[in-house]
Amino acid sequence: MNAVPPHGKAVRHIIVADEDPVVVAFIIQLLRQDGHAVFHAYDAMSATQLASALHDLCDLLISNTRV
């Protein structure tokens, strides 16, 4: 289920997982400026739970190797 905003791009539902809040905030800002719905997690367990809760809405999970 992807909505198409006025700028014509499909909205993606993206989870950003990283333990560094500065990195998370930066990535979220960039993705939201591009019109995406962005969710965040600071650890692997939270990211897994969030992806499970979003079920079919999650298009992409971005994480570092430690999460």
PDB file of N, CA and C in Angstrom:
ATOM      1  N   MET A   1       0.846  -1.170   0.000  1.00  0.00           N
ATOM      2  CA  MET A   1       0.000   0.000   0.000  1.00  0.00           C
ATOM      3  C   MET A   1       0.898   1.242   0.000  1.00  0.00           C
ATOM      4  N   ASN A   2       1.089   1.872  -1.120  1.00  0.00           N
ATOM      5  CA  ASN A   2       1.911   3.070  -1.227  1.00  0.00           C
ATOM      6  C   ASN A   2       1.073   4.230  -1.724  1.00  0.00           C
ATOM      7  N   ALA A   3       1.018   5.268  -0.931  1.00  0.00           N
ATOM      8  CA  ALA A   3       0.325   6.483  -1.351  1.00  0.00           C
ATOM      9  C   ALA A   3       1.258   7.278  -2.243  1.00  0.00           C
ATOM     10  N   VAL A   4       0.697   8.067  -3.121  1.00  0.00           N
ATOM     11  CA  VAL A   4       1.527   8.912  -3.985  1.00  0.00           C
ATOM     12  C   VAL A   4       1.268  10.364  -3.619  1.00  0.00           C
ATOM     13  N   PRO A   5       2.271  11.037  -3.037  1.00  0.00           N
ATOM     14  CA  PRO A   5       2.116  12.427  -2.651  1.00  0.00           C
ATOM     15  C   PRO A   5       2.111  13.333  -3.875  1.00  0.00           C
ATOM     16  N   PRO A   6       1.834  14.623  -3.680  1.00  0.00           N
ATOM     17  CA  PRO A   6       1.749  15.553  -4.810  1.00  0.00           C
ATOM     18  C   PRO A   6       2.988  15.590  -5.701  1.00  0.00           C
ATOM     19  N   HIS A   7       4.165  15.344  -5.138  1.00  0.00           N
ATOM     20  CA  HIS A   7       5.379  15.413  -5.963  1.00  0.00           C
ATOM     21  C   HIS A   7       5.547  14.191  -6.846  1.00  0.00           C
ATOM     22  N   GLY A   8       4.623  13.229  -6.749  1.00  0.00           N
ATOM     23  CA  GLY A   8       4.607  12.099  -7.666  1.00  0.00           C
ATOM     24  C   GLY A   8       5.405  10.877  -7.243  1.00  0.00           C
ATOM     25  N   LYS A   9       6.166  10.965  -6.172  1.00  0.00           N
ATOM     26  CA  LYS A   9       6.940   9.814  -5.713  1.00  0.00           C
ATOM     27  C   LYS A   9       6.099   8.977  -4.764  1.00  0.00           C
ATOM     28  N   ALA A  10       6.297   7.680  -4.784  1.00  0.00           N
ATOM     29  CA  ALA A  10       5.596   6.805  -3.852  1.00  0.00           C
ATOM     30  C   ALA A  10       6.160   6.995  -2.447  1.00  0.00           C
ATOM     31  N   VAL A  11       5.289   7.024  -1.471  1.00  0.00           N
ATOM     32  CA  VAL A  11       5.723   7.109  -0.078  1.00  0.00           C
ATOM     33  C   VAL A  11       6.174   5.726   0.362  1.00  0.00           C
ATOM     34  N   ARG A  12       7.343   5.646   0.908  1.00  0.00           N
ATOM     35  CA  ARG A  12       7.870   4.399   1.444  1.00  0.00           C
ATOM     36  C   ARG A  12       7.810   4.474   2.955  1.00  0.00           C
ATOM     37  N   HIS A  13       7.552   3.358   3.586  1.00  0.00           N
ATOM     38  CA  HIS A  13       7.549   3.253   5.039  1.00  0.00           C
ATOM     39  C   HIS A  13       8.883   2.623   5.433  1.00  0.00           C
ATOM     40  N   ILE A  14       9.698   3.407   6.110  1.00  0.00           N
ATOM     41  CA  ILE A  14      11.088   3.020   6.372  1.00  0.00           C
ATOM     42  C   ILE A  14      11.355   3.020   7.870  1.00  0.00           C
ATOM     43  N   ILE A  15      12.046   1.986   8.330  1.00  0.00           N
ATOM     44  CA  ILE A  15      12.504   1.918   9.720  1.00  0.00           C
ATOM     45  C   ILE A  15      13.997   2.204   9.722  1.00  0.00           C
ATOM     46  N   VAL A  16      14.422   3.124  10.577  1.00  0.00           N
ATOM     47  CA  VAL A  16      15.835   3.435  10.766  1.00  0.00           C
ATOM     48  C   VAL A  16      16.227   2.903  12.141  1.00  0.00           C
ATOM     49  N   ALA A  17      17.202   2.003  12.181  1.00  0.00           N
ATOM     50  CA  ALA A  17      17.638   1.403  13.437  1.00  0.00           C
ATOM     51  C   ALA A  17      19.122   1.686  13.657  1.00  0.00           C
ATOM     52  N   ASP A  18      19.416   2.411  14.706  1.00  0.00           N
ATOM     53  CA  ASP A  18      20.798   2.735  15.065  1.00  0.00           C
ATOM     54  C   ASP A  18      20.791   3.177  16.511  1.00  0.00           C
ATOM     55  N   GLU A  19      21.843   2.850  17.243  1.00  0.00           N
ATOM     56  CA  GLU A  19      21.903   3.227  18.655  1.00  0.00           C
ATOM     57  C   GLU A  19      22.300   4.685  18.855  1.00  0.00           C
ATOM     58  N   ASP A  20      22.743   5.351  17.818  1.00  0.00           N
ATOM     59  CA  ASP A  20      23.162   6.753  17.919  1.00  0.00           C
ATOM     60  C   ASP A  20      22.012   7.674  17.516  1.00  0.00           C
ATOM     61  N   PRO A  21      21.442   8.408  18.479  1.00  0.00           N
ATOM     62  CA  PRO A  21      20.297   9.263  18.180  1.00  0.00           C
ATOM     63  C   PRO A  21      20.607  10.367  17.167  1.00  0.00           C
ATOM     64  N   VAL A  22      21.841  10.798  17.083  1.00  0.00           N
ATOM     65  CA  VAL A  22      22.214  11.837  16.115  1.00  0.00           C
ATOM     66  C   VAL A  22      22.133  11.278  14.698  1.00  0.00           C
ATOM     67  N   VAL A  23      22.626  10.066  14.512  1.00  0.00           N
ATOM     68  CA  VAL A  23      22.565   9.410  13.202  1.00  0.00           C
ATOM     69  C   VAL A  23      21.112   9.177  12.808  1.00  0.00           C
ATOM     70  N   VAL A  24      20.315   8.683  13.752  1.00  0.00           N
ATOM     71  CA  VAL A  24      18.900   8.419  13.485  1.00  0.00           C
ATOM     72  C   VAL A  24      18.190   9.710  13.078  1.00  0.00           C
ATOM     73  N   ALA A  25      18.407  10.784  13.831  1.00  0.00           N
ATOM     74  CA  ALA A  25      17.749  12.064  13.533  1.00  0.00           C
ATOM     75  C   ALA A  25      18.135  12.582  12.152  1.00  0.00           C
ATOM     76  N   PHE A  26      19.402  12.445  11.782  1.00  0.00           N
ATOM     77  CA  PHE A  26      19.877  12.920  10.484  1.00  0.00           C
ATOM     78  C   PHE A  26      19.213  12.141   9.339  1.00  0.00           C
ATOM     79  N   ILE A  27      19.211  10.825   9.455  1.00  0.00           N
ATOM     80  CA  ILE A  27      18.619   9.990   8.404  1.00  0.00           C
ATOM     81  C   ILE A  27      17.114  10.233   8.308  1.00  0.00           C
ATOM     82  N   ILE A  28      16.451  10.331   9.452  1.00  0.00           N
ATOM     83  CA  ILE A  28      15.015  10.603   9.453  1.00  0.00           C
ATOM     84  C   ILE A  28      14.712  11.921   8.755  1.00  0.00           C
ATOM     85  N   GLN A  29      15.480  12.945   9.054  1.00  0.00           N
ATOM     86  CA  GLN A  29      15.265  14.256   8.434  1.00  0.00           C
ATOM     87  C   GLN A  29      15.375  14.162   6.915  1.00  0.00           C
ATOM     88  N   LEU A  30      16.405  13.505   6.430  1.00  0.00           N
ATOM     89  CA  LEU A  30      16.594  13.371   4.985  1.00  0.00           C
ATOM     90  C   LEU A  30      15.439  12.614   4.326  1.00  0.00           C
ATOM     91  N   LEU A  31      15.045  11.505   4.940  1.00  0.00           N
ATOM     92  CA  LEU A  31      13.992  10.681   4.349  1.00  0.00           C
ATOM     93  C   LEU A  31      12.628  11.372   4.396  1.00  0.00           C
ATOM     94  N   ARG A  32      12.339  12.054   5.489  1.00  0.00           N
ATOM     95  CA  ARG A  32      11.053  12.755   5.585  1.00  0.00           C
ATOM     96  C   ARG A  32      10.983  13.931   4.620  1.00  0.00           C
ATOM     97  N   GLN A  33      12.112  14.594   4.374  1.00  0.00           N
ATOM     98  CA  GLN A  33      12.140  15.679   3.392  1.00  0.00           C
ATOM     99  C   GLN A  33      11.789  15.163   2.005  1.00  0.00           C
ATOM    100  N   ASP A  34      12.078  13.897   1.779  1.00  0.00           N
ATOM    101  CA  ASP A  34      11.763  13.271   0.492  1.00  0.00           C
ATOM    102  C   ASP A  34      10.355  12.679   0.477  1.00  0.00           C
ATOM    103  N   GLY A  35       9.616  12.874   1.575  1.00  0.00           N
ATOM    104  CA  GLY A  35       8.225  12.466   1.617  1.00  0.00           C
ATOM    105  C   GLY A  35       7.931  11.080   2.158  1.00  0.00           C
ATOM    106  N   HIS A  36       8.916  10.434   2.763  1.00  0.00           N
ATOM    107  CA  HIS A  36       8.713   9.080   3.269  1.00  0.00           C
ATOM    108  C   HIS A  36       8.194   9.092   4.704  1.00  0.00           C
ATOM    109  N   ALA A  37       7.490   8.034   5.061  1.00  0.00           N
ATOM    110  CA  ALA A  37       7.063   7.819   6.444  1.00  0.00           C
ATOM    111  C   ALA A  37       8.188   7.053   7.131  1.00  0.00           C
ATOM    112  N   VAL A  38       8.769   7.645   8.167  1.00  0.00           N
ATOM    113  CA  VAL A  38       9.955   7.061   8.788  1.00  0.00           C
ATOM    114  C   VAL A  38       9.691   6.775  10.267  1.00  0.00           C
ATOM    115  N   PHE A  39      10.107   5.596  10.692  1.00  0.00           N
ATOM    116  CA  PHE A  39       9.998   5.167  12.075  1.00  0.00           C
ATOM    117  C   PHE A  39      11.403   4.864  12.572  1.00  0.00           C
ATOM    118  N   HIS A  40      11.626   4.908  13.887  1.00  0.00           N
ATOM    119  CA  HIS A  40      12.978   4.659  14.373  1.00  0.00           C
ATOM    120  C   HIS A  40      12.997   3.660  15.524  1.00  0.00           C
ATOM    121  N   ALA A  41      14.153   3.026  15.669  1.00  0.00           N
ATOM    122  CA  ALA A  41      14.424   2.103  16.761  1.00  0.00           C
ATOM    123  C   ALA A  41      15.889   2.272  17.138  1.00  0.00           C
ATOM    124  N   TYR A  42      16.188   2.076  18.420  1.00  0.00           N
ATOM    125  CA  TYR A  42      17.569   2.241  18.884  1.00  0.00           C
ATOM    126  C   TYR A  42      18.263   0.917  19.190  1.00  0.00           C
ATOM    127  N   ASP A  43      17.567  -0.208  18.948  1.00  0.00           N
ATOM    128  CA  ASP A  43      18.195  -1.511  19.147  1.00  0.00           C
ATOM    129  C   ASP A  43      17.484  -2.549  18.271  1.00  0.00           C
ATOM    130  N   ALA A  44      18.101  -3.717  18.177  1.00  0.00           N
ATOM    131  CA  ALA A  44      17.585  -4.764  17.292  1.00  0.00           C
ATOM    132  C   ALA A  44      16.206  -5.261  17.720  1.00  0.00           C
ATOM    133  N   MET A  45      15.994  -5.414  19.007  1.00  0.00           N
ATOM    134  CA  MET A  45      14.715  -5.905  19.499  1.00  0.00           C
ATOM    135  C   MET A  45      13.588  -4.937  19.128  1.00  0.00           C
ATOM    136  N   SER A  46      13.816  -3.650  19.345  1.00  0.00           N
ATOM    137  CA  SER A  46      12.803  -2.647  19.001  1.00  0.00           C
ATOM    138  C   SER A  46      12.551  -2.608  17.499  1.00  0.00           C
ATOM    139  N   ALA A  47      13.604  -2.725  16.714  1.00  0.00           N
ATOM    140  CA  ALA A  47      13.455  -2.718  15.255  1.00  0.00           C
ATOM    141  C   ALA A  47      12.630  -3.914  14.790  1.00  0.00           C
ATOM    142  N   THR A  48      12.886  -5.075  15.379  1.00  0.00           N
ATOM    143  CA  THR A  48      12.141  -6.285  15.029  1.00  0.00           C
ATOM    144  C   THR A  48      10.670  -6.149  15.399  1.00  0.00           C
ATOM    145  N   GLN A  49      10.409  -5.627  16.588  1.00  0.00           N
ATOM    146  CA  GLN A  49       9.028  -5.437  17.034  1.00  0.00           C
ATOM    147  C   GLN A  49       8.295  -4.433  16.152  1.00  0.00           C
ATOM    148  N   LEU A  50       8.992  -3.369  15.788  1.00  0.00           N
ATOM    149  CA  LEU A  50       8.390  -2.338  14.942  1.00  0.00           C
ATOM    150  C   LEU A  50       8.078  -2.898  13.551  1.00  0.00           C
ATOM    151  N   ALA A  51       9.013  -3.630  12.986  1.00  0.00           N
ATOM    152  CA  ALA A  51       8.786  -4.232  11.670  1.00  0.00           C
ATOM    153  C   ALA A  51       7.610  -5.206  11.722  1.00  0.00           C
ATOM    154  N   SER A  52       7.520  -5.956  12.801  1.00  0.00           N
ATOM    155  CA  SER A  52       6.403  -6.888  12.963  1.00  0.00           C
ATOM    156  C   SER A  52       5.076  -6.141  13.093  1.00  0.00           C
ATOM    157  N   ALA A  53       5.078  -5.055  13.844  1.00  0.00           N
ATOM    158  CA  ALA A  53       3.858  -4.266  14.045  1.00  0.00           C
ATOM    159  C   ALA A  53       3.402  -3.603  12.745  1.00  0.00           C
ATOM    160  N   LEU A  54       4.358  -3.177  11.929  1.00  0.00           N
ATOM    161  CA  LEU A  54       4.022  -2.522  10.662  1.00  0.00           C
ATOM    162  C   LEU A  54       3.604  -3.532   9.600  1.00  0.00           C
ATOM    163  N   HIS A  55       3.986  -4.773   9.797  1.00  0.00           N
ATOM    164  CA  HIS A  55       3.636  -5.885   8.924  1.00  0.00           C
ATOM    165  C   HIS A  55       3.921  -5.563   7.458  1.00  0.00           C
ATOM    166  N   ASP A  56       2.924  -5.463   6.628  1.00  0.00           N
ATOM    167  CA  ASP A  56       3.114  -5.253   5.193  1.00  0.00           C
ATOM    168  C   ASP A  56       3.439  -3.813   4.824  1.00  0.00           C
ATOM    169  N   LEU A  57       3.399  -2.902   5.776  1.00  0.00           N
ATOM    170  CA  LEU A  57       3.668  -1.501   5.454  1.00  0.00           C
ATOM    171  C   LEU A  57       5.154  -1.176   5.393  1.00  0.00           C
ATOM    172  N   CYS A  58       5.999  -2.006   5.980  1.00  0.00           N
ATOM    173  CA  CYS A  58       7.434  -1.714   6.016  1.00  0.00           C
ATOM    174  C   CYS A  58       8.071  -2.063   4.670  1.00  0.00           C
ATOM    175  N   ASP A  59       8.610  -1.027   4.009  1.00  0.00           N
ATOM    176  CA  ASP A  59       9.261  -1.231   2.713  1.00  0.00           C
ATOM    177  C   ASP A  59      10.770  -1.422   2.838  1.00  0.00           C
ATOM    178  N   LEU A  60      11.351  -0.833   3.897  1.00  0.00           N
ATOM    179  CA  LEU A  60      12.809  -0.839   4.016  1.00  0.00           C
ATOM    180  C   LEU A  60      13.208  -0.707   5.466  1.00  0.00           C
ATOM    181  N   LEU A  61      14.256  -1.428   5.857  1.00  0.00           N
ATOM    182  CA  LEU A  61      14.864  -1.309   7.178  1.00  0.00           C
ATOM    183  C   LEU A  61      16.314  -0.913   6.977  1.00  0.00           C
ATOM    184  N   ILE A  62      16.694   0.229   7.546  1.00  0.00           N
ATOM    185  CA  ILE A  62      18.082   0.696   7.465  1.00  0.00           C
ATOM    186  C   ILE A  62      18.691   0.541   8.848  1.00  0.00           C
ATOM    187  N   SER A  63      19.814  -0.169   8.947  1.00  0.00           N
ATOM    188  CA  SER A  63      20.470  -0.343  10.246  1.00  0.00           C
ATOM    189  C   SER A  63      21.981  -0.397  10.055  1.00  0.00           C
ATOM    190  N   ASN A  64      22.676  -0.259  11.171  1.00  0.00           N
ATOM    191  CA  ASN A  64      24.117  -0.465  11.124  1.00  0.00           C
ATOM    192  C   ASN A  64      24.391  -1.913  11.503  1.00  0.00           C
ATOM    193  N   THR A  65      25.630  -2.316  11.496  1.00  0.00           N
ATOM    194  CA  THR A  65      25.949  -3.733  11.743  1.00  0.00           C
ATOM    195  C   THR A  65      25.824  -4.117  13.195  1.00  0.00           C
ATOM    196  N   ARG A  66      25.788  -3.155  14.117  1.00  0.00           N
ATOM    197  CA  ARG A  66      25.677  -3.477  15.534  1.00  0.00           C
ATOM    198  C   ARG A  66      24.245  -3.646  16.011  1.00  0.00           C
ATOM    199  N   VAL A  67      23.287  -3.136  15.256  1.00  0.00           N
ATOM    200  CA  VAL A  67      21.889  -3.219  15.699  1.00  0.00           C
ATOM    201  C   VAL A  67      21.324  -4.576  15.361  1.00  0.00           C
TER     202      VAL A  67
END
